[in-house]
Amino acid sequence: MRIAAAPISWGVCEVPGWGLQLTPDRVLAEMAELGLTATELGPDGFLPPEPEDRARLLDRYGLQAIGGFVPVVLHDPDRDPLAELRAVLASFPADAVVVLAAATGADGYDARPVLDAEGWRTLLGNLDRIHRETSRPVTLHPHIGTMVETRAEVDRVLDGSEVPLCLDTGHLLAGGTDPLDVVRRAPGRIAHAHLKDVDAALAGRVRAGEITYTEAVRAGIYRPLGQGDVDIAGIVTGLTAAGYAGWYVMEQDVVLASEDADPAGDVRASLAFLRGITA
């Protein structure tokens, strides 16, 4: 089992005003202290942009970069997402997984437009074009506050494109999709996994419009593995039985208010739960 970390578990996020942004040295040091040896890249500006400088920093903590979250507008016929991606991916490690999110074009994840038929044709066509023409592993990450959030939208991507998925167990459940059902229905489409547990009651309030997504994250919608309402054990067991050989990324999104916060504690609890499943 290949286990990696993600800076968002330490509150490091691309959204302006998200919360306290910890230094790379603290985040990477705490990853290493937990025994982790791989991480996703985090948002632009978190790690050095030059590949050699980034590799030296990661090497200092015994870490390798295995992927990166890349929000990109896919639904606008007047934009070429592949051209934008090529510039971003020039600094990616050759075998790093590209974790695409179908961005709205606005900052944050608290509101999104509704796509018309042309928007969906453009989005699905761009996904297949990126999948075919990018010489590295590419996945689509269903994500709250993006153009692919709900179960109907996830199904539309599965039925209308060939792109593999990043199975984010938290965003799927929060958006109304049972991630275990995706594992059972389409295991061959899953090429990357973000493991989160979720407070389903808070997720329901987000779907009902009672609170924003950001408010839900501040309130603790994402829980350490085994402490929420996602069947993490069933998902890992199902992926293993299906021959999944990709990464399992420990990713419990948080908003930090002070340096005294202990995000590593939640990651430690998640790792203990995950290793208990596979022991």
Protein backbone atom coordinates (compact mmCIF):
# COMPACT_ATOMS: atom_id res chain seq x y z
CA MET A 1 0.00 0.00 0.00
CA ARG A 2 1.43 3.36 -1.08
CA ILE A 3 0.56 6.11 1.41
CA ALA A 4 1.23 9.81 0.87
CA ALA A 5 0.43 13.12 2.54
CA ALA A 6 -1.06 16.38 1.28
CA PRO A 7 -0.33 19.94 2.49
CA ILE A 8 -4.06 20.70 2.79
CA SER A 9 -4.09 18.43 5.86
CA TRP A 10 -1.93 21.17 7.38
CA GLY A 11 -4.29 23.91 6.15
CA VAL A 12 -2.16 24.88 3.14
CA CYS A 13 -4.65 25.88 0.44
CA GLU A 14 -4.87 27.85 -2.81
CA VAL A 15 -8.01 29.73 -1.70
CA PRO A 16 -7.30 33.37 -0.68
CA GLY A 17 -8.06 34.00 3.00
CA TRP A 18 -8.43 30.27 3.74
CA GLY A 19 -6.61 30.44 7.06
CA LEU A 20 -3.12 30.43 8.55
CA GLN A 21 -0.61 29.12 6.02
CA LEU A 22 2.16 27.13 7.69
CA THR A 23 5.72 27.16 6.39
CA PRO A 24 6.94 24.34 4.14
CA ASP A 25 9.62 23.42 6.67
CA ARG A 26 7.09 22.82 9.45
CA VAL A 27 4.71 20.89 7.20
CA LEU A 28 7.39 18.70 5.62
CA ALA A 29 9.10 18.07 8.96
CA GLU A 30 5.84 16.88 10.51
CA MET A 31 5.14 14.64 7.52
CA ALA A 32 8.57 13.05 7.98
CA GLU A 33 8.02 12.65 11.74
CA LEU A 34 4.87 10.66 10.95
CA GLY A 35 6.93 8.26 8.84
CA LEU A 36 5.52 9.48 5.52
CA THR A 37 7.83 9.40 2.51
CA ALA A 38 5.65 10.97 -0.21
CA THR A 39 3.46 14.04 -0.62
CA GLU A 40 1.41 15.94 -3.13
CA LEU A 41 2.83 19.31 -4.14
CA GLY A 42 0.29 21.66 -2.61
CA PRO A 43 -0.78 24.99 -4.16
CA ASP A 44 1.39 27.22 -6.32
CA GLY A 45 3.99 28.98 -4.21
CA PHE A 46 4.06 26.47 -1.37
CA LEU A 47 7.10 24.58 -2.66
CA PRO A 48 9.86 26.05 -4.83
CA PRO A 49 8.75 26.26 -8.48
CA GLU A 50 12.08 25.12 -9.90
CA PRO A 51 12.22 21.30 -9.98
CA GLU A 52 15.80 21.13 -8.72
CA ASP A 53 15.16 23.44 -5.77
CA ARG A 54 11.95 21.59 -4.89
CA ALA A 55 13.67 18.21 -5.06
CA ARG A 56 16.43 19.40 -2.74
CA LEU A 57 13.90 20.64 -0.20
CA LEU A 58 11.89 17.42 -0.31
CA ASP A 59 15.06 15.31 -0.13
CA ARG A 60 15.98 17.11 3.09
CA TYR A 61 12.89 15.52 4.67
CA GLY A 62 13.04 12.16 2.89
CA LEU A 63 9.97 12.93 0.76
CA GLN A 64 9.10 12.52 -2.90
CA ALA A 65 6.44 14.43 -4.84
CA ILE A 66 3.81 12.06 -6.26
CA GLY A 67 1.11 14.38 -7.58
CA GLY A 68 -0.50 17.76 -7.48
CA PHE A 69 -3.96 19.33 -7.35
CA VAL A 70 -4.55 21.54 -10.40
CA PRO A 71 -7.80 23.55 -10.63
CA VAL A 72 -8.46 24.45 -14.27
CA VAL A 73 -11.46 25.85 -16.16
CA LEU A 74 -12.67 23.09 -18.48
CA HIS A 75 -16.14 24.27 -19.50
CA ASP A 76 -15.40 27.58 -21.26
CA PRO A 77 -15.19 27.23 -25.08
CA ASP A 78 -13.12 30.42 -25.25
CA ARG A 79 -10.31 29.00 -23.08
CA ASP A 80 -7.74 26.34 -23.89
CA PRO A 81 -7.09 24.39 -20.68
CA LEU A 82 -4.40 22.27 -22.30
CA ALA A 83 -2.28 25.33 -23.03
CA GLU A 84 -2.70 26.47 -19.42
CA LEU A 85 -1.86 23.01 -18.13
CA ARG A 86 1.31 22.67 -20.18
CA ALA A 87 2.74 25.71 -18.43
CA VAL A 88 1.83 24.30 -14.99
CA LEU A 89 3.03 20.79 -15.71
CA ALA A 90 6.42 21.84 -17.00
CA SER A 91 7.66 21.74 -13.40
CA PHE A 92 5.84 18.51 -12.40
CA PRO A 93 7.90 15.36 -11.80
CA ALA A 94 7.56 13.10 -14.83
CA ASP A 95 5.49 10.41 -13.09
CA ALA A 96 3.47 12.68 -10.77
CA VAL A 97 -0.31 12.29 -10.94
CA VAL A 98 -2.15 15.34 -12.27
CA VAL A 99 -5.23 15.80 -10.06
CA LEU A 100 -7.51 18.05 -12.10
CA ALA A 101 -10.47 19.90 -10.64
CA ALA A 102 -13.09 21.41 -12.97
CA ALA A 103 -12.74 24.95 -11.62
CA THR A 104 -15.52 27.51 -11.90
CA GLY A 105 -13.11 30.34 -12.72
CA ALA A 106 -13.77 32.10 -9.39
CA ASP A 107 -11.83 31.90 -6.13
CA GLY A 108 -13.05 29.47 -3.49
CA TYR A 109 -15.58 26.66 -3.39
CA ASP A 110 -18.67 28.30 -1.93
CA ALA A 111 -20.62 28.98 -5.16
CA ARG A 112 -20.71 27.71 -8.72
CA PRO A 113 -22.66 28.26 -11.95
CA VAL A 114 -24.88 25.68 -13.66
CA LEU A 115 -23.57 24.30 -16.93
CA ASP A 116 -25.65 24.25 -20.09
CA ALA A 117 -25.33 21.59 -22.82
CA GLU A 118 -22.51 23.43 -24.56
CA GLY A 119 -20.62 23.76 -21.31
CA TRP A 120 -20.87 20.03 -20.68
CA ARG A 121 -19.75 19.19 -24.23
CA THR A 122 -16.76 21.47 -23.78
CA LEU A 123 -15.88 20.08 -20.35
CA LEU A 124 -16.08 16.43 -21.40
CA GLY A 125 -14.23 17.09 -24.65
CA ASN A 126 -11.45 18.89 -22.82
CA LEU A 127 -11.13 16.06 -20.31
CA ASP A 128 -10.61 13.51 -23.08
CA ARG A 129 -8.24 15.81 -24.95
CA ILE A 130 -6.12 16.35 -21.83
CA HIS A 131 -6.19 12.63 -21.07
CA ARG A 132 -5.01 11.77 -24.59
CA GLU A 133 -2.46 14.51 -25.13
CA THR A 134 -0.77 14.80 -21.73
CA SER A 135 2.22 12.49 -21.33
CA ARG A 136 1.65 11.79 -17.63
CA PRO A 137 -1.12 10.26 -15.48
CA VAL A 138 -4.18 12.55 -15.35
CA THR A 139 -7.23 12.18 -13.12
CA LEU A 140 -10.37 14.25 -12.49
CA HIS A 141 -11.16 15.10 -8.88
CA PRO A 142 -14.91 15.55 -8.18
CA HIS A 143 -14.87 18.43 -5.70
CA ILE A 144 -17.38 20.57 -3.82
CA GLY A 145 -17.75 23.98 -5.44
CA THR A 146 -16.48 22.87 -8.86
CA MET A 147 -18.34 21.92 -12.04
CA VAL A 148 -18.23 18.22 -11.06
CA GLU A 149 -19.71 17.93 -7.57
CA THR A 150 -22.98 15.95 -7.47
CA ARG A 151 -23.70 12.30 -8.17
CA ALA A 152 -25.35 13.19 -11.49
CA GLU A 153 -22.25 15.14 -12.51
CA VAL A 154 -19.89 12.34 -11.48
CA ASP A 155 -21.98 9.88 -13.50
CA ARG A 156 -21.93 12.24 -16.48
CA VAL A 157 -18.11 12.22 -16.40
CA LEU A 158 -17.99 8.42 -16.06
CA ASP A 159 -20.44 7.94 -18.92
CA GLY A 160 -19.22 10.73 -21.20
CA SER A 161 -15.44 10.66 -20.99
CA GLU A 162 -12.50 8.32 -20.61
CA VAL A 163 -10.57 10.24 -17.98
CA PRO A 164 -9.68 8.30 -14.80
CA LEU A 165 -10.91 9.58 -11.44
CA CYS A 166 -9.26 10.70 -8.27
CA LEU A 167 -11.50 9.01 -5.70
CA ASP A 168 -11.77 11.66 -3.01
CA THR A 169 -13.87 9.88 -0.42
CA GLY A 170 -14.80 13.10 1.38
CA HIS A 171 -15.75 15.33 -1.53
CA LEU A 172 -17.74 12.53 -3.12
CA LEU A 173 -19.81 11.89 0.00
CA ALA A 174 -20.23 15.59 0.70
CA GLY A 175 -21.47 16.08 -2.86
CA GLY A 176 -24.02 13.28 -2.60
CA THR A 177 -22.10 10.33 -4.07
CA ASP A 178 -21.33 7.17 -2.09
CA PRO A 179 -17.61 6.60 -2.77
CA LEU A 180 -17.96 2.88 -2.04
CA ASP A 181 -20.58 2.69 -4.79
CA VAL A 182 -18.08 4.23 -7.23
CA VAL A 183 -15.51 1.62 -6.20
CA ARG A 184 -18.04 -1.14 -6.89
CA ARG A 185 -19.37 0.32 -10.16
CA ALA A 186 -16.21 1.63 -11.78
CA PRO A 187 -13.06 0.33 -10.08
CA GLY A 188 -11.13 0.46 -13.35
CA ARG A 189 -11.64 4.23 -13.60
CA ILE A 190 -9.94 4.97 -10.26
CA ALA A 191 -6.27 5.92 -10.64
CA HIS A 192 -5.65 7.96 -7.48
CA ALA A 193 -7.28 8.18 -4.04
CA HIS A 194 -7.67 10.94 -1.46
CA LEU A 195 -8.81 9.48 1.85
CA LYS A 196 -11.06 11.63 4.03
CA ASP A 197 -13.75 10.83 6.54
CA VAL A 198 -16.81 13.07 6.76
CA ASP A 199 -19.36 14.32 9.25
CA ALA A 200 -22.43 13.49 7.14
CA ALA A 201 -24.67 15.89 9.08
CA LEU A 202 -22.43 18.84 8.22
CA ALA A 203 -22.22 17.65 4.62
CA GLY A 204 -26.02 17.62 4.46
CA ARG A 205 -26.14 21.21 5.68
CA VAL A 206 -23.76 22.25 2.89
CA ARG A 207 -25.91 20.51 0.26
CA ALA A 208 -29.02 22.18 1.71
CA GLY A 209 -27.39 25.61 1.48
CA GLU A 210 -27.54 26.18 5.24
CA ILE A 211 -23.78 26.77 5.52
CA THR A 212 -20.99 27.33 3.01
CA TYR A 213 -18.34 24.77 2.25
CA THR A 214 -15.67 26.91 3.91
CA GLU A 215 -17.79 27.23 7.05
CA ALA A 216 -18.20 23.45 7.10
CA VAL A 217 -14.45 22.90 6.88
CA ARG A 218 -13.92 25.32 9.77
CA ALA A 219 -16.56 23.38 11.72
CA GLY A 220 -14.74 20.07 11.16
CA ILE A 221 -16.63 18.40 8.30
CA TYR A 222 -13.53 16.30 7.63
CA ARG A 223 -12.67 13.85 10.36
CA PRO A 224 -9.71 11.55 10.95
CA LEU A 225 -10.27 8.23 9.23
CA GLY A 226 -12.60 5.99 11.19
CA GLN A 227 -14.24 8.90 13.04
CA GLY A 228 -16.82 9.90 10.42
CA ASP A 229 -19.49 8.42 8.18
CA VAL A 230 -17.42 7.14 5.23
CA ASP A 231 -16.83 3.38 4.97
CA ILE A 232 -13.07 3.76 4.61
CA ALA A 233 -12.42 0.09 5.40
CA GLY A 234 -14.88 -1.03 2.73
CA ILE A 235 -13.36 1.34 0.18
CA VAL A 236 -9.78 0.20 0.81
CA THR A 237 -10.84 -3.44 0.80
CA GLY A 238 -12.77 -2.93 -2.45
CA LEU A 239 -9.92 -1.13 -4.18
CA THR A 240 -7.45 -3.79 -3.06
CA ALA A 241 -9.68 -6.56 -4.40
CA ALA A 242 -9.95 -4.69 -7.71
CA GLY A 243 -6.17 -4.55 -8.04
CA TYR A 244 -5.75 -0.84 -7.32
CA ALA A 245 -2.04 -0.02 -7.22
CA GLY A 246 -2.16 3.78 -6.93
CA TRP A 247 -1.52 6.13 -4.04
CA TYR A 248 -3.65 6.61 -0.94
CA VAL A 249 -3.24 10.26 0.02
CA MET A 250 -3.99 11.25 3.62
CA GLU A 251 -6.07 14.38 3.08
CA GLN A 252 -8.24 15.86 5.80
CA ASP A 253 -8.76 19.51 4.77
CA VAL A 254 -8.55 21.98 7.66
CA VAL A 255 -8.61 25.71 8.25
CA LEU A 256 -6.03 26.72 10.86
CA ALA A 257 -6.44 29.73 13.13
CA SER A 258 -3.09 29.72 14.96
CA GLU A 259 0.40 28.24 15.08
CA ASP A 260 -0.67 26.25 18.15
CA ALA A 261 -2.93 24.00 16.08
CA ASP A 262 -1.88 20.35 15.77
CA PRO A 263 -2.97 19.16 12.31
CA ALA A 264 -0.41 16.38 12.43
CA GLY A 265 -2.41 14.78 15.25
CA ASP A 266 -5.35 14.10 12.95
CA VAL A 267 -3.07 12.70 10.24
CA ARG A 268 -1.46 10.44 12.86
CA ALA A 269 -4.88 9.12 13.86
CA SER A 270 -5.81 8.53 10.22
CA LEU A 271 -2.60 6.66 9.54
CA ALA A 272 -3.15 4.43 12.57
CA PHE A 273 -6.66 3.60 11.37
CA LEU A 274 -5.52 2.90 7.82
CA ARG A 275 -2.68 0.68 8.93
CA GLY A 276 -5.09 -1.18 11.19
CA ILE A 277 -7.23 -2.02 8.16
CA THR A 278 -4.30 -3.42 6.22
CA ALA A 279 -2.47 -5.12 9.07
